[in-house]
Amino acid sequence: MPNPKRRHSQQRSAKRRTHYKAVASTLSTDITTGETHVRHRAHVSEGKLFYKGKVVTEKAPMKK
């Protein structure tokens, strides 16, 4: 397996990494509930799980 003959400089590594940056996630407003959520992810509103504006599951009442 090939290995580098000499150590790479810190500047060379930094040049390679300059294109990596944090990106803010895209938010959307749900048509049904009006809440802001991350796109393409299910979200909980008032004890119900919504995805694409439709109820996926409802939370069952807790037993005491």
C-alpha atoms as a PDB file:
ATOM      1  CA  MET A   1       0.000   0.000   0.000  1.00  0.00           C
ATOM      2  CA  PRO A   2       1.486   3.403  -0.958  1.00  0.00           C
ATOM      3  CA  ASN A   3       2.502   5.818   1.778  1.00  0.00           C
ATOM      4  CA  PRO A   4       3.804   9.373   1.514  1.00  0.00           C
ATOM      5  CA  LYS A   5       7.593   9.575   1.455  1.00  0.00           C
ATOM      6  CA  ARG A   6       7.647  12.884   3.322  1.00  0.00           C
ATOM      7  CA  ARG A   7       5.315  14.686   5.697  1.00  0.00           C
ATOM      8  CA  HIS A   8       2.767  17.082   4.146  1.00  0.00           C
ATOM      9  CA  SER A   9       3.037  20.676   5.356  1.00  0.00           C
ATOM     10  CA  GLN A  10       0.294  22.245   7.508  1.00  0.00           C
ATOM     11  CA  GLN A  11      -0.345  24.811   4.779  1.00  0.00           C
ATOM     12  CA  ARG A  12      -0.966  22.071   2.235  1.00  0.00           C
ATOM     13  CA  SER A  13      -3.526  20.422   4.524  1.00  0.00           C
ATOM     14  CA  ALA A  14      -5.203  23.777   5.201  1.00  0.00           C
ATOM     15  CA  LYS A  15      -5.509  24.491   1.467  1.00  0.00           C
ATOM     16  CA  ARG A  16      -7.303  21.187   0.978  1.00  0.00           C
ATOM     17  CA  ARG A  17      -9.717  21.910   3.842  1.00  0.00           C
ATOM     18  CA  THR A  18     -10.684  25.464   2.862  1.00  0.00           C
ATOM     19  CA  HIS A  19     -13.750  24.309   0.942  1.00  0.00           C
ATOM     20  CA  TYR A  20     -15.353  22.582   3.940  1.00  0.00           C
ATOM     21  CA  LYS A  21     -17.789  24.893   5.682  1.00  0.00           C
ATOM     22  CA  ALA A  22     -20.859  24.673   7.859  1.00  0.00           C
ATOM     23  CA  VAL A  23     -24.157  25.087   6.043  1.00  0.00           C
ATOM     24  CA  ALA A  24     -27.364  26.148   7.767  1.00  0.00           C
ATOM     25  CA  SER A  25     -30.195  23.660   7.369  1.00  0.00           C
ATOM     26  CA  THR A  26     -33.127  24.730   5.186  1.00  0.00           C
ATOM     27  CA  LEU A  27     -36.340  25.471   7.066  1.00  0.00           C
ATOM     28  CA  SER A  28     -39.916  25.286   5.813  1.00  0.00           C
ATOM     29  CA  THR A  29     -43.313  26.240   7.169  1.00  0.00           C
ATOM     30  CA  ASP A  30     -45.826  23.415   7.445  1.00  0.00           C
ATOM     31  CA  ILE A  31     -49.070  24.120   5.567  1.00  0.00           C
ATOM     32  CA  THR A  32     -51.267  22.310   8.086  1.00  0.00           C
ATOM     33  CA  THR A  33     -49.839  23.478  11.414  1.00  0.00           C
ATOM     34  CA  GLY A  34     -47.964  26.636  10.392  1.00  0.00           C
ATOM     35  CA  GLU A  35     -44.865  25.563  12.323  1.00  0.00           C
ATOM     36  CA  THR A  36     -41.299  25.940  11.102  1.00  0.00           C
ATOM     37  CA  HIS A  37     -39.383  22.678  10.668  1.00  0.00           C
ATOM     38  CA  VAL A  38     -36.365  21.191   8.901  1.00  0.00           C
ATOM     39  CA  ARG A  39     -37.181  20.196   5.320  1.00  0.00           C
ATOM     40  CA  HIS A  40     -37.719  16.513   4.444  1.00  0.00           C
ATOM     41  CA  ARG A  41     -37.993  15.526   8.112  1.00  0.00           C
ATOM     42  CA  ALA A  42     -41.030  14.539  10.164  1.00  0.00           C
ATOM     43  CA  HIS A  43     -41.849  16.923  13.040  1.00  0.00           C
ATOM     44  CA  VAL A  44     -44.016  16.771  16.159  1.00  0.00           C
ATOM     45  CA  SER A  45     -46.795  19.279  16.705  1.00  0.00           C
ATOM     46  CA  GLU A  46     -49.375  19.028  19.519  1.00  0.00           C
ATOM     47  CA  GLY A  47     -48.506  15.378  20.167  1.00  0.00           C
ATOM     48  CA  LYS A  48     -48.897  14.353  16.519  1.00  0.00           C
ATOM     49  CA  LEU A  49     -46.174  13.425  14.066  1.00  0.00           C
ATOM     50  CA  PHE A  50     -46.486  15.277  10.740  1.00  0.00           C
ATOM     51  CA  TYR A  51     -44.730  14.596   7.427  1.00  0.00           C
ATOM     52  CA  LYS A  52     -45.543  16.401   4.163  1.00  0.00           C
ATOM     53  CA  GLY A  53     -48.525  18.103   5.848  1.00  0.00           C
ATOM     54  CA  LYS A  54     -50.175  14.832   6.846  1.00  0.00           C
ATOM     55  CA  VAL A  55     -50.513  13.137  10.239  1.00  0.00           C
ATOM     56  CA  VAL A  56     -48.297  10.068  10.347  1.00  0.00           C
ATOM     57  CA  THR A  57     -48.974   8.955  13.927  1.00  0.00           C
ATOM     58  CA  GLU A  58     -50.789  10.251  16.953  1.00  0.00           C
ATOM     59  CA  LYS A  59     -49.351   9.968  20.413  1.00  0.00           C
ATOM     60  CA  ALA A  60     -51.252   7.480  22.577  1.00  0.00           C
ATOM     61  CA  PRO A  61     -52.387   8.718  26.030  1.00  0.00           C
ATOM     62  CA  MET A  62     -50.013   7.856  28.878  1.00  0.00           C
ATOM     63  CA  LYS A  63     -51.089   5.140  31.320  1.00  0.00           C
ATOM     64  CA  LYS A  64     -50.958   6.039  35.005  1.00  0.00           C
END
